């Protein structure tokens, strides 16, 4: 799978965090529930999904990102974005296999949604 770095950079430059939209030549666009469903495989129809929130965040990070955060990178139920950014700075470090690309995509989506 080839990654179009120029396209990714163009989208990053056009993101406006104050409105949570992309400003494109054709207008504005944003992330929809369908996008969440397609990218994260989270159901957006039917009954709400709830469960116990006693999650081992270190283990969840390791499972989704392949990296276990330092103790000071997790604050309660929060993961420091600075830690996330420092671990996933260069996409080319993760393009050698499908799992690496998926982990980089997870980190990018987290940064994208919460910045």
PDB file of N, CA and C in Angstrom:
ATOM      1  N   UNK A   1       0.844  -1.179   0.000  1.00  0.00           N
ATOM      2  CA  UNK A   1       0.000   0.000   0.000  1.00  0.00           C
ATOM      3  C   UNK A   1       0.883   1.232   0.000  1.00  0.00           C
ATOM      4  N   UNK A   2       0.680   2.103  -0.968  1.00  0.00           N
ATOM      5  CA  UNK A   2       1.452   3.335  -1.034  1.00  0.00           C
ATOM      6  C   UNK A   2       0.718   4.432  -0.266  1.00  0.00           C
ATOM      7  N   UNK A   3       1.475   5.238   0.430  1.00  0.00           N
ATOM      8  CA  UNK A   3       0.918   6.361   1.175  1.00  0.00           C
ATOM      9  C   UNK A   3       1.280   7.636   0.427  1.00  0.00           C
ATOM     10  N   UNK A   4       0.272   8.412   0.087  1.00  0.00           N
ATOM     11  CA  UNK A   4       0.499   9.675  -0.589  1.00  0.00           C
ATOM     12  C   UNK A   4       0.765  10.736   0.467  1.00  0.00           C
ATOM     13  N   UNK A   5       2.034  10.955   0.765  1.00  0.00           N
ATOM     14  CA  UNK A   5       2.420  11.863   1.839  1.00  0.00           C
ATOM     15  C   UNK A   5       1.951  13.286   1.567  1.00  0.00           C
ATOM     16  N   UNK A   6       1.989  13.715   0.326  1.00  0.00           N
ATOM     17  CA  UNK A   6       1.534  15.062  -0.015  1.00  0.00           C
ATOM     18  C   UNK A   6       0.040  15.231   0.276  1.00  0.00           C
ATOM     19  N   UNK A   7      -0.737  14.189  -0.005  1.00  0.00           N
ATOM     20  CA  UNK A   7      -2.175  14.244   0.263  1.00  0.00           C
ATOM     21  C   UNK A   7      -2.447  14.306   1.759  1.00  0.00           C
ATOM     22  N   UNK A   8      -1.747  13.480   2.530  1.00  0.00           N
ATOM     23  CA  UNK A   8      -1.922  13.491   3.981  1.00  0.00           C
ATOM     24  C   UNK A   8      -1.554  14.865   4.536  1.00  0.00           C
ATOM     25  N   UNK A   9      -0.440  15.430   4.091  1.00  0.00           N
ATOM     26  CA  UNK A   9      -0.020  16.755   4.555  1.00  0.00           C
ATOM     27  C   UNK A   9      -1.021  17.829   4.156  1.00  0.00           C
ATOM     28  N   UNK A  10      -1.592  17.715   2.961  1.00  0.00           N
ATOM     29  CA  UNK A  10      -2.595  18.684   2.513  1.00  0.00           C
ATOM     30  C   UNK A  10      -3.813  18.662   3.421  1.00  0.00           C
ATOM     31  N   UNK A  11      -4.263  17.462   3.809  1.00  0.00           N
ATOM     32  CA  UNK A  11      -5.403  17.377   4.715  1.00  0.00           C
ATOM     33  C   UNK A  11      -5.062  17.942   6.086  1.00  0.00           C
ATOM     34  N   UNK A  12      -3.872  17.664   6.572  1.00  0.00           N
ATOM     35  CA  UNK A  12      -3.463  18.183   7.880  1.00  0.00           C
ATOM     36  C   UNK A  12      -3.448  19.708   7.860  1.00  0.00           C
ATOM     37  N   UNK A  13      -2.941  20.297   6.790  1.00  0.00           N
ATOM     38  CA  UNK A  13      -2.875  21.752   6.685  1.00  0.00           C
ATOM     39  C   UNK A  13      -4.259  22.389   6.577  1.00  0.00           C
ATOM     40  N   UNK A  14      -5.228  21.663   6.072  1.00  0.00           N
ATOM     41  CA  UNK A  14      -6.566  22.224   5.869  1.00  0.00           C
ATOM     42  C   UNK A  14      -7.520  21.961   7.040  1.00  0.00           C
ATOM     43  N   UNK A  15      -7.045  21.281   8.085  1.00  0.00           N
ATOM     44  CA  UNK A  15      -7.875  21.003   9.251  1.00  0.00           C
ATOM     45  C   UNK A  15      -7.961  22.248  10.122  1.00  0.00           C
ATOM     46  N   UNK A  16      -9.159  22.594  10.551  1.00  0.00           N
ATOM     47  CA  UNK A  16      -9.380  23.727  11.450  1.00  0.00           C
ATOM     48  C   UNK A  16      -9.950  23.191  12.759  1.00  0.00           C
ATOM     49  N   UNK A  17      -9.127  23.166  13.793  1.00  0.00           N
ATOM     50  CA  UNK A  17      -9.538  22.574  15.065  1.00  0.00           C
ATOM     51  C   UNK A  17     -10.644  23.373  15.741  1.00  0.00           C
ATOM     52  N   UNK A  18     -10.725  24.667  15.474  1.00  0.00           N
ATOM     53  CA  UNK A  18     -11.770  25.456  16.116  1.00  0.00           C
ATOM     54  C   UNK A  18     -13.173  25.097  15.611  1.00  0.00           C
ATOM     55  N   UNK A  19     -13.294  24.603  14.384  1.00  0.00           N
ATOM     56  CA  UNK A  19     -14.606  24.202  13.847  1.00  0.00           C
ATOM     57  C   UNK A  19     -14.694  22.700  13.601  1.00  0.00           C
ATOM     58  N   UNK A  20     -13.593  21.973  13.790  1.00  0.00           N
ATOM     59  CA  UNK A  20     -13.528  20.530  13.555  1.00  0.00           C
ATOM     60  C   UNK A  20     -13.947  20.172  12.131  1.00  0.00           C
ATOM     61  N   UNK A  21     -13.446  20.943  11.185  1.00  0.00           N
ATOM     62  CA  UNK A  21     -13.748  20.703   9.774  1.00  0.00           C
ATOM     63  C   UNK A  21     -12.487  20.855   8.942  1.00  0.00           C
ATOM     64  N   UNK A  22     -12.533  20.271   7.747  1.00  0.00           N
ATOM     65  CA  UNK A  22     -11.508  20.511   6.738  1.00  0.00           C
ATOM     66  C   UNK A  22     -12.005  21.651   5.857  1.00  0.00           C
ATOM     67  N   UNK A  23     -11.145  22.599   5.564  1.00  0.00           N
ATOM     68  CA  UNK A  23     -11.486  23.682   4.648  1.00  0.00           C
ATOM     69  C   UNK A  23     -10.847  23.363   3.299  1.00  0.00           C
ATOM     70  N   UNK A  24     -11.678  22.937   2.355  1.00  0.00           N
ATOM     71  CA  UNK A  24     -11.214  22.547   1.031  1.00  0.00           C
ATOM     72  C   UNK A  24     -11.706  23.551  -0.002  1.00  0.00           C
ATOM     73  N   UNK A  25     -11.156  23.493  -1.211  1.00  0.00           N
ATOM     74  CA  UNK A  25     -11.588  24.401  -2.272  1.00  0.00           C
ATOM     75  C   UNK A  25     -13.068  24.233  -2.595  1.00  0.00           C
ATOM     76  N   UNK A  26     -13.582  23.013  -2.451  1.00  0.00           N
ATOM     77  CA  UNK A  26     -14.985  22.747  -2.773  1.00  0.00           C
ATOM     78  C   UNK A  26     -15.918  23.044  -1.600  1.00  0.00           C
ATOM     79  N   UNK A  27     -15.380  23.416  -0.449  1.00  0.00           N
ATOM     80  CA  UNK A  27     -16.201  23.721   0.720  1.00  0.00           C
ATOM     81  C   UNK A  27     -15.634  23.077   1.968  1.00  0.00           C
ATOM     82  N   UNK A  28     -16.487  22.976   2.996  1.00  0.00           N
ATOM     83  CA  UNK A  28     -16.066  22.386   4.261  1.00  0.00           C
ATOM     84  C   UNK A  28     -16.586  20.962   4.380  1.00  0.00           C
ATOM     85  N   UNK A  29     -15.846  20.127   5.093  1.00  0.00           N
ATOM     86  CA  UNK A  29     -16.277  18.757   5.362  1.00  0.00           C
ATOM     87  C   UNK A  29     -15.789  18.364   6.743  1.00  0.00           C
ATOM     88  N   UNK A  30     -16.377  17.345   7.314  1.00  0.00           N
ATOM     89  CA  UNK A  30     -16.005  16.900   8.648  1.00  0.00           C
ATOM     90  C   UNK A  30     -16.139  15.382   8.744  1.00  0.00           C
ATOM     91  N   UNK A  31     -15.769  14.814   9.881  1.00  0.00           N
ATOM     92  CA  UNK A  31     -15.899  13.381  10.114  1.00  0.00           C
ATOM     93  C   UNK A  31     -17.346  13.086  10.492  1.00  0.00           C
ATOM     94  N   UNK A  32     -17.935  12.067   9.890  1.00  0.00           N
ATOM     95  CA  UNK A  32     -19.322  11.692  10.168  1.00  0.00           C
ATOM     96  C   UNK A  32     -19.374  10.380  10.948  1.00  0.00           C
ATOM     97  N   UNK A  33     -20.567  10.017  11.410  1.00  0.00           N
ATOM     98  CA  UNK A  33     -20.729   8.733  12.079  1.00  0.00           C
ATOM     99  C   UNK A  33     -20.396   7.568  11.147  1.00  0.00           C
ATOM    100  N   UNK A  34     -20.724   7.721   9.873  1.00  0.00           N
ATOM    101  CA  UNK A  34     -20.394   6.661   8.910  1.00  0.00           C
ATOM    102  C   UNK A  34     -18.880   6.498   8.808  1.00  0.00           C
ATOM    103  N   UNK A  35     -18.136   7.600   8.853  1.00  0.00           N
ATOM    104  CA  UNK A  35     -16.673   7.521   8.841  1.00  0.00           C
ATOM    105  C   UNK A  35     -16.166   6.746  10.049  1.00  0.00           C
ATOM    106  N   UNK A  36     -16.750   7.012  11.224  1.00  0.00           N
ATOM    107  CA  UNK A  36     -16.362   6.301  12.443  1.00  0.00           C
ATOM    108  C   UNK A  36     -16.627   4.812  12.276  1.00  0.00           C
ATOM    109  N   UNK A  37     -17.786   4.484  11.711  1.00  0.00           N
ATOM    110  CA  UNK A  37     -18.129   3.076  11.495  1.00  0.00           C
ATOM    111  C   UNK A  37     -17.128   2.405  10.559  1.00  0.00           C
ATOM    112  N   UNK A  38     -16.817   3.059   9.448  1.00  0.00           N
ATOM    113  CA  UNK A  38     -15.923   2.465   8.448  1.00  0.00           C
ATOM    114  C   UNK A  38     -14.497   2.350   8.980  1.00  0.00           C
ATOM    115  N   UNK A  39     -13.995   3.386   9.640  1.00  0.00           N
ATOM    116  CA  UNK A  39     -12.607   3.394  10.082  1.00  0.00           C
ATOM    117  C   UNK A  39     -12.361   2.567  11.342  1.00  0.00           C
ATOM    118  N   UNK A  40     -13.295   2.609  12.275  1.00  0.00           N
ATOM    119  CA  UNK A  40     -13.063   1.971  13.567  1.00  0.00           C
ATOM    120  C   UNK A  40     -13.928   0.746  13.817  1.00  0.00           C
ATOM    121  N   UNK A  41     -14.838   0.426  12.880  1.00  0.00           N
ATOM    122  CA  UNK A  41     -15.739  -0.727  13.016  1.00  0.00           C
ATOM    123  C   UNK A  41     -16.576  -0.645  14.292  1.00  0.00           C
ATOM    124  N   UNK A  42     -16.993   0.559  14.646  1.00  0.00           N
ATOM    125  CA  UNK A  42     -17.853   0.768  15.806  1.00  0.00           C
ATOM    126  C   UNK A  42     -19.270   0.977  15.289  1.00  0.00           C
ATOM    127  N   UNK A  43     -20.206   0.176  15.773  1.00  0.00           N
ATOM    128  CA  UNK A  43     -21.594   0.275  15.340  1.00  0.00           C
ATOM    129  C   UNK A  43     -22.180   1.622  15.730  1.00  0.00           C
ATOM    130  N   UNK A  44     -22.892   2.252  14.799  1.00  0.00           N
ATOM    131  CA  UNK A  44     -23.545   3.529  15.081  1.00  0.00           C
ATOM    132  C   UNK A  44     -25.066   3.381  15.070  1.00  0.00           C
ATOM    133  N   UNK A  45     -25.562   2.166  14.858  1.00  0.00           N
ATOM    134  CA  UNK A  45     -26.995   1.883  14.861  1.00  0.00           C
ATOM    135  C   UNK A  45     -27.337   0.985  16.040  1.00  0.00           C
ATOM    136  N   UNK A  46     -28.596   1.046  16.471  1.00  0.00           N
ATOM    137  CA  UNK A  46     -29.048   0.136  17.518  1.00  0.00           C
ATOM    138  C   UNK A  46     -28.816   0.676  18.907  1.00  0.00           C
ATOM    139  N   UNK A  47     -28.814  -0.228  19.851  1.00  0.00           N
ATOM    140  CA  UNK A  47     -28.667   0.144  21.256  1.00  0.00           C
ATOM    141  C   UNK A  47     -27.236   0.607  21.544  1.00  0.00           C
ATOM    142  N   UNK A  48     -27.089   1.524  22.485  1.00  0.00           N
ATOM    143  CA  UNK A  48     -25.739   1.990  22.822  1.00  0.00           C
ATOM    144  C   UNK A  48     -24.916   0.870  23.446  1.00  0.00           C
ATOM    145  N   UNK A  49     -23.648   0.905  23.179  1.00  0.00           N
ATOM    146  CA  UNK A  49     -22.728  -0.085  23.717  1.00  0.00           C
ATOM    147  C   UNK A  49     -22.108   0.493  24.980  1.00  0.00           C
ATOM    148  N   UNK A  50     -22.342  -0.164  26.092  1.00  0.00           N
ATOM    149  CA  UNK A  50     -21.750   0.274  27.347  1.00  0.00           C
ATOM    150  C   UNK A  50     -21.090  -0.915  28.016  1.00  0.00           C
ATOM    151  N   UNK A  51     -20.096  -0.631  28.795  1.00  0.00           N
ATOM    152  CA  UNK A  51     -19.419  -1.699  29.516  1.00  0.00           C
ATOM    153  C   UNK A  51     -18.663  -1.095  30.688  1.00  0.00           C
ATOM    154  N   UNK A  52     -18.023  -1.937  31.422  1.00  0.00           N
ATOM    155  CA  UNK A  52     -17.209  -1.538  32.546  1.00  0.00           C
ATOM    156  C   UNK A  52     -16.074  -0.640  32.044  1.00  0.00           C
ATOM    157  N   UNK A  53     -15.830   0.457  32.739  1.00  0.00           N
ATOM    158  CA  UNK A  53     -14.768   1.362  32.319  1.00  0.00           C
ATOM    159  C   UNK A  53     -13.453   1.116  33.045  1.00  0.00           C
ATOM    160  N   UNK A  54     -13.372   0.021  33.762  1.00  0.00           N
ATOM    161  CA  UNK A  54     -12.110  -0.333  34.426  1.00  0.00           C
ATOM    162  C   UNK A  54     -11.180  -0.955  33.389  1.00  0.00           C
ATOM    163  N   UNK A  55     -10.599  -0.106  32.579  1.00  0.00           N
ATOM    164  CA  UNK A  55      -9.748  -0.549  31.472  1.00  0.00           C
ATOM    165  C   UNK A  55      -8.293  -0.388  31.859  1.00  0.00           C
ATOM    166  N   UNK A  56      -7.489  -1.357  31.514  1.00  0.00           N
ATOM    167  CA  UNK A  56      -6.046  -1.225  31.668  1.00  0.00           C
ATOM    168  C   UNK A  56      -5.537  -0.456  30.449  1.00  0.00           C
ATOM    169  N   UNK A  57      -5.372   0.858  30.611  1.00  0.00           N
ATOM    170  CA  UNK A  57      -5.023   1.724  29.483  1.00  0.00           C
ATOM    171  C   UNK A  57      -3.672   1.364  28.889  1.00  0.00           C
ATOM    172  N   UNK A  58      -2.768   0.905  29.709  1.00  0.00           N
ATOM    173  CA  UNK A  58      -1.452   0.521  29.209  1.00  0.00           C
ATOM    174  C   UNK A  58      -1.581  -0.668  28.256  1.00  0.00           C
ATOM    175  N   UNK A  59      -2.415  -1.632  28.642  1.00  0.00           N
ATOM    176  CA  UNK A  59      -2.623  -2.814  27.815  1.00  0.00           C
ATOM    177  C   UNK A  59      -3.379  -2.454  26.529  1.00  0.00           C
ATOM    178  N   UNK A  60      -4.375  -1.581  26.634  1.00  0.00           N
ATOM    179  CA  UNK A  60      -5.132  -1.159  25.457  1.00  0.00           C
ATOM    180  C   UNK A  60      -4.231  -0.420  24.465  1.00  0.00           C
ATOM    181  N   UNK A  61      -3.379   0.453  24.966  1.00  0.00           N
ATOM    182  CA  UNK A  61      -2.427   1.145  24.088  1.00  0.00           C
ATOM    183  C   UNK A  61      -1.498   0.152  23.410  1.00  0.00           C
ATOM    184  N   UNK A  62      -1.024  -0.816  24.166  1.00  0.00           N
ATOM    185  CA  UNK A  62      -0.133  -1.820  23.596  1.00  0.00           C
ATOM    186  C   UNK A  62      -0.849  -2.623  22.516  1.00  0.00           C
ATOM    187  N   UNK A  63      -2.107  -2.964  22.758  1.00  0.00           N
ATOM    188  CA  UNK A  63      -2.877  -3.748  21.790  1.00  0.00           C
ATOM    189  C   UNK A  63      -3.149  -2.966  20.508  1.00  0.00           C
ATOM    190  N   UNK A  64      -3.545  -1.699  20.631  1.00  0.00           N
ATOM    191  CA  UNK A  64      -3.922  -0.906  19.459  1.00  0.00           C
ATOM    192  C   UNK A  64      -2.747  -0.215  18.779  1.00  0.00           C
ATOM    193  N   UNK A  65      -1.745   0.180  19.570  1.00  0.00           N
ATOM    194  CA  UNK A  65      -0.642   0.963  19.022  1.00  0.00           C
ATOM    195  C   UNK A  65       0.673   0.205  18.963  1.00  0.00           C
ATOM    196  N   UNK A  66       0.753  -0.915  19.672  1.00  0.00           N
ATOM    197  CA  UNK A  66       1.990  -1.688  19.668  1.00  0.00           C
ATOM    198  C   UNK A  66       3.062  -1.120  20.573  1.00  0.00           C
ATOM    199  N   UNK A  67       2.705  -0.111  21.374  1.00  0.00           N
ATOM    200  CA  UNK A  67       3.652   0.547  22.270  1.00  0.00           C
ATOM    201  C   UNK A  67       2.971   0.716  23.625  1.00  0.00           C
ATOM    202  N   UNK A  68       3.695   0.386  24.673  1.00  0.00           N
ATOM    203  CA  UNK A  68       3.167   0.565  26.028  1.00  0.00           C
ATOM    204  C   UNK A  68       3.657   1.924  26.536  1.00  0.00           C
ATOM    205  N   UNK A  69       2.728   2.830  26.914  1.00  0.00           N
ATOM    206  CA  UNK A  69       3.149   4.168  27.360  1.00  0.00           C
ATOM    207  C   UNK A  69       3.861   4.137  28.703  1.00  0.00           C
ATOM    208  N   UNK A  70       4.662   5.154  28.949  1.00  0.00           N
ATOM    209  CA  UNK A  70       5.304   5.343  30.246  1.00  0.00           C
ATOM    210  C   UNK A  70       4.233   5.682  31.274  1.00  0.00           C
ATOM    211  N   UNK A  71       4.566   5.507  32.557  1.00  0.00           N
ATOM    212  CA  UNK A  71       3.613   5.825  33.627  1.00  0.00           C
ATOM    213  C   UNK A  71       3.160   7.280  33.571  1.00  0.00           C
ATOM    214  N   UNK A  72       4.067   8.202  33.256  1.00  0.00           N
ATOM    215  CA  UNK A  72       3.683   9.609  33.240  1.00  0.00           C
ATOM    216  C   UNK A  72       3.004  10.037  31.937  1.00  0.00           C
ATOM    217  N   UNK A  73       2.842   9.141  30.974  1.00  0.00           N
ATOM    218  CA  UNK A  73       2.125   9.454  29.736  1.00  0.00           C
ATOM    219  C   UNK A  73       0.630   9.225  29.882  1.00  0.00           C
ATOM    220  N   UNK A  74       0.222   8.512  30.946  1.00  0.00           N
ATOM    221  CA  UNK A  74      -1.197   8.251  31.197  1.00  0.00           C
ATOM    222  C   UNK A  74      -1.576   8.970  32.480  1.00  0.00           C
ATOM    223  N   UNK A  75      -2.644   9.768  32.374  1.00  0.00           N
ATOM    224  CA  UNK A  75      -3.149  10.507  33.532  1.00  0.00           C
ATOM    225  C   UNK A  75      -4.602  10.129  33.730  1.00  0.00           C
ATOM    226  N   UNK A  76      -4.854   9.171  34.616  1.00  0.00           N
ATOM    227  CA  UNK A  76      -6.219   8.675  34.815  1.00  0.00           C
ATOM    228  C   UNK A  76      -6.698   7.941  33.577  1.00  0.00           C
ATOM    229  N   UNK A  77      -7.704   8.524  32.922  1.00  0.00           N
ATOM    230  CA  UNK A  77      -8.218   7.952  31.683  1.00  0.00           C
ATOM    231  C   UNK A  77      -7.733   8.721  30.464  1.00  0.00           C
ATOM    232  N   UNK A  78      -6.667   9.480  30.608  1.00  0.00           N
ATOM    233  CA  UNK A  78      -6.167  10.315  29.514  1.00  0.00           C
ATOM    234  C   UNK A  78      -4.764   9.893  29.103  1.00  0.00           C
ATOM    235  N   UNK A  79      -4.530   9.959  27.816  1.00  0.00           N
ATOM    236  CA  UNK A  79      -3.207   9.696  27.262  1.00  0.00           C
ATOM    237  C   UNK A  79      -2.674  11.014  26.736  1.00  0.00           C
ATOM    238  N   UNK A  80      -1.472  11.372  27.140  1.00  0.00           N
ATOM    239  CA  UNK A  80      -0.903  12.638  26.692  1.00  0.00           C
ATOM    240  C   UNK A  80      -0.652  12.611  25.186  1.00  0.00           C
ATOM    241  N   UNK A  81      -1.177  13.610  24.487  1.00  0.00           N
ATOM    242  CA  UNK A  81      -0.981  13.681  23.041  1.00  0.00           C
ATOM    243  C   UNK A  81       0.485  13.898  22.693  1.00  0.00           C
ATOM    244  N   UNK A  82       1.225  14.557  23.565  1.00  0.00           N
ATOM    245  CA  UNK A  82       2.651  14.755  23.303  1.00  0.00           C
ATOM    246  C   UNK A  82       3.382  13.413  23.247  1.00  0.00           C
ATOM    247  N   UNK A  83       2.983  12.475  24.113  1.00  0.00           N
ATOM    248  CA  UNK A  83       3.583  11.141  24.065  1.00  0.00           C
ATOM    249  C   UNK A  83       3.211  10.443  22.769  1.00  0.00           C
ATOM    250  N   UNK A  84       1.940  10.517  22.415  1.00  0.00           N
ATOM    251  CA  UNK A  84       1.449   9.879  21.193  1.00  0.00           C
ATOM    252  C   UNK A  84       2.173  10.437  19.974  1.00  0.00           C
ATOM    253  N   UNK A  85       2.318  11.739  19.916  1.00  0.00           N
ATOM    254  CA  UNK A  85       3.007  12.379  18.796  1.00  0.00           C
ATOM    255  C   UNK A  85       4.472  11.967  18.745  1.00  0.00           C
ATOM    256  N   UNK A  86       5.106  11.872  19.903  1.00  0.00           N
ATOM    257  CA  UNK A  86       6.530  11.499  19.917  1.00  0.00           C
ATOM    258  C   UNK A  86       6.756  10.059  19.459  1.00  0.00           C
ATOM    259  N   UNK A  87       5.781   9.184  19.684  1.00  0.00           N
ATOM    260  CA  UNK A  87       5.918   7.775  19.295  1.00  0.00           C
ATOM    261  C   UNK A  87       5.616   7.542  17.815  1.00  0.00           C
ATOM    262  N   UNK A  88       4.804   8.398  17.217  1.00  0.00           N
ATOM    263  CA  UNK A  88       4.346   8.195  15.840  1.00  0.00           C
ATOM    264  C   UNK A  88       4.599   9.448  15.015  1.00  0.00           C
ATOM    265  N   UNK A  89       5.873   9.800  14.857  1.00  0.00           N
ATOM    266  CA  UNK A  89       6.207  11.029  14.134  1.00  0.00           C
ATOM    267  C   UNK A  89       6.344  10.817  12.631  1.00  0.00           C
ATOM    268  N   UNK A  90       6.873   9.680  12.218  1.00  0.00           N
ATOM    269  CA  UNK A  90       7.168   9.471  10.807  1.00  0.00           C
ATOM    270  C   UNK A  90       6.434   8.239  10.289  1.00  0.00           C
ATOM    271  N   UNK A  91       5.531   8.441   9.352  1.00  0.00           N
ATOM    272  CA  UNK A  91       4.734   7.335   8.816  1.00  0.00           C
ATOM    273  C   UNK A  91       5.607   6.279   8.147  1.00  0.00           C
ATOM    274  N   UNK A  92       6.749   6.679   7.620  1.00  0.00           N
ATOM    275  CA  UNK A  92       7.615   5.731   6.913  1.00  0.00           C
ATOM    276  C   UNK A  92       8.211   4.672   7.847  1.00  0.00           C
ATOM    277  N   UNK A  93       8.209   4.953   9.145  1.00  0.00           N
ATOM    278  CA  UNK A  93       8.675   3.956  10.115  1.00  0.00           C
ATOM    279  C   UNK A  93       7.671   2.817  10.277  1.00  0.00           C
ATOM    280  N   UNK A  94       6.446   2.989   9.746  1.00  0.00           N
ATOM    281  CA  UNK A  94       5.372   2.025   9.980  1.00  0.00           C
ATOM    282  C   UNK A  94       4.822   1.409   8.695  1.00  0.00           C
ATOM    283  N   UNK A  95       5.434   1.693   7.558  1.00  0.00           N
ATOM    284  CA  UNK A  95       4.890   1.228   6.278  1.00  0.00           C
ATOM    285  C   UNK A  95       5.415  -0.129   5.846  1.00  0.00           C
ATOM    286  N   UNK A  96       6.211  -0.784   6.679  1.00  0.00           N
ATOM    287  CA  UNK A  96       6.803  -2.059   6.278  1.00  0.00           C
ATOM    288  C   UNK A  96       5.806  -3.216   6.304  1.00  0.00           C
ATOM    289  N   UNK A  97       4.707  -3.075   7.054  1.00  0.00           N
ATOM    290  CA  UNK A  97       3.697  -4.134   7.082  1.00  0.00           C
ATOM    291  C   UNK A  97       2.320  -3.570   7.402  1.00  0.00           C
ATOM    292  N   UNK A  98       1.301  -4.364   7.203  1.00  0.00           N
ATOM    293  CA  UNK A  98      -0.090  -3.937   7.404  1.00  0.00           C
ATOM    294  C   UNK A  98      -0.350  -3.560   8.862  1.00  0.00           C
ATOM    295  N   UNK A  99       0.169  -4.338   9.798  1.00  0.00           N
ATOM    296  CA  UNK A  99      -0.054  -4.059  11.215  1.00  0.00           C
ATOM    297  C   UNK A  99       0.555  -2.709  11.612  1.00  0.00           C
ATOM    298  N   UNK A 100       1.733  -2.405  11.093  1.00  0.00           N
ATOM    299  CA  UNK A 100       2.363  -1.116  11.376  1.00  0.00           C
ATOM    300  C   UNK A 100       1.537   0.038  10.845  1.00  0.00           C
ATOM    301  N   UNK A 101       1.016  -0.118   9.647  1.00  0.00           N
ATOM    302  CA  UNK A 101       0.160   0.921   9.069  1.00  0.00           C
ATOM    303  C   UNK A 101      -1.113   1.107   9.890  1.00  0.00           C
ATOM    304  N   UNK A 102      -1.703   0.015  10.340  1.00  0.00           N
ATOM    305  CA  UNK A 102      -2.912   0.113  11.159  1.00  0.00           C
ATOM    306  C   UNK A 102      -2.621   0.832  12.474  1.00  0.00           C
ATOM    307  N   UNK A 103      -1.483   0.536  13.069  1.00  0.00           N
ATOM    308  CA  UNK A 103      -1.121   1.198  14.324  1.00  0.00           C
ATOM    309  C   UNK A 103      -0.889   2.687  14.108  1.00  0.00           C
ATOM    310  N   UNK A 104      -0.215   3.049  13.018  1.00  0.00           N
ATOM    311  CA  UNK A 104      -0.016   4.463  12.723  1.00  0.00           C
ATOM    312  C   UNK A 104      -1.360   5.138  12.473  1.00  0.00           C
ATOM    313  N   UNK A 105      -2.265   4.453  11.762  1.00  0.00           N
ATOM    314  CA  UNK A 105      -3.600   5.011  11.506  1.00  0.00           C
ATOM    315  C   UNK A 105      -4.359   5.228  12.812  1.00  0.00           C
ATOM    316  N   UNK A 106      -4.276   4.275  13.743  1.00  0.00           N
ATOM    317  CA  UNK A 106      -4.929   4.451  15.045  1.00  0.00           C
ATOM    318  C   UNK A 106      -4.381   5.690  15.747  1.00  0.00           C
ATOM    319  N   UNK A 107      -3.074   5.861  15.743  1.00  0.00           N
ATOM    320  CA  UNK A 107      -2.485   7.016  16.421  1.00  0.00           C
ATOM    321  C   UNK A 107      -2.885   8.310  15.728  1.00  0.00           C
ATOM    322  N   UNK A 108      -2.917   8.291  14.397  1.00  0.00           N
ATOM    323  CA  UNK A 108      -3.273   9.497  13.649  1.00  0.00           C
ATOM    324  C   UNK A 108      -4.723   9.869  13.916  1.00  0.00           C
ATOM    325  N   UNK A 109      -5.619   8.885  13.945  1.00  0.00           N
ATOM    326  CA  UNK A 109      -7.039   9.157  14.221  1.00  0.00           C
ATOM    327  C   UNK A 109      -7.194   9.726  15.628  1.00  0.00           C
ATOM    328  N   UNK A 110      -6.490   9.166  16.611  1.00  0.00           N
ATOM    329  CA  UNK A 110      -6.566   9.698  17.964  1.00  0.00           C
ATOM    330  C   UNK A 110      -6.096  11.151  18.017  1.00  0.00           C
ATOM    331  N   UNK A 111      -4.975  11.442  17.388  1.00  0.00           N
ATOM    332  CA  UNK A 111      -4.477  12.823  17.378  1.00  0.00           C
ATOM    333  C   UNK A 111      -5.423  13.733  16.625  1.00  0.00           C
ATOM    334  N   UNK A 112      -5.965  13.233  15.537  1.00  0.00           N
ATOM    335  CA  UNK A 112      -6.855  14.003  14.684  1.00  0.00           C
ATOM    336  C   UNK A 112      -8.137  14.377  15.417  1.00  0.00           C
ATOM    337  N   UNK A 113      -8.707  13.457  16.149  1.00  0.00           N
ATOM    338  CA  UNK A 113      -9.969  13.680  16.837  1.00  0.00           C
ATOM    339  C   UNK A 113      -9.781  14.576  18.062  1.00  0.00           C
ATOM    340  N   UNK A 114      -8.694  14.406  18.794  1.00  0.00           N
ATOM    341  CA  UNK A 114      -8.556  15.067  20.077  1.00  0.00           C
ATOM    342  C   UNK A 114      -7.664  16.302  20.056  1.00  0.00           C
ATOM    343  N   UNK A 115      -7.269  16.778  18.891  1.00  0.00           N
ATOM    344  CA  UNK A 115      -6.490  18.032  18.868  1.00  0.00           C
ATOM    345  C   UNK A 115      -7.341  19.172  18.423  1.00  0.00           C
TER     346      UNK A 115
END
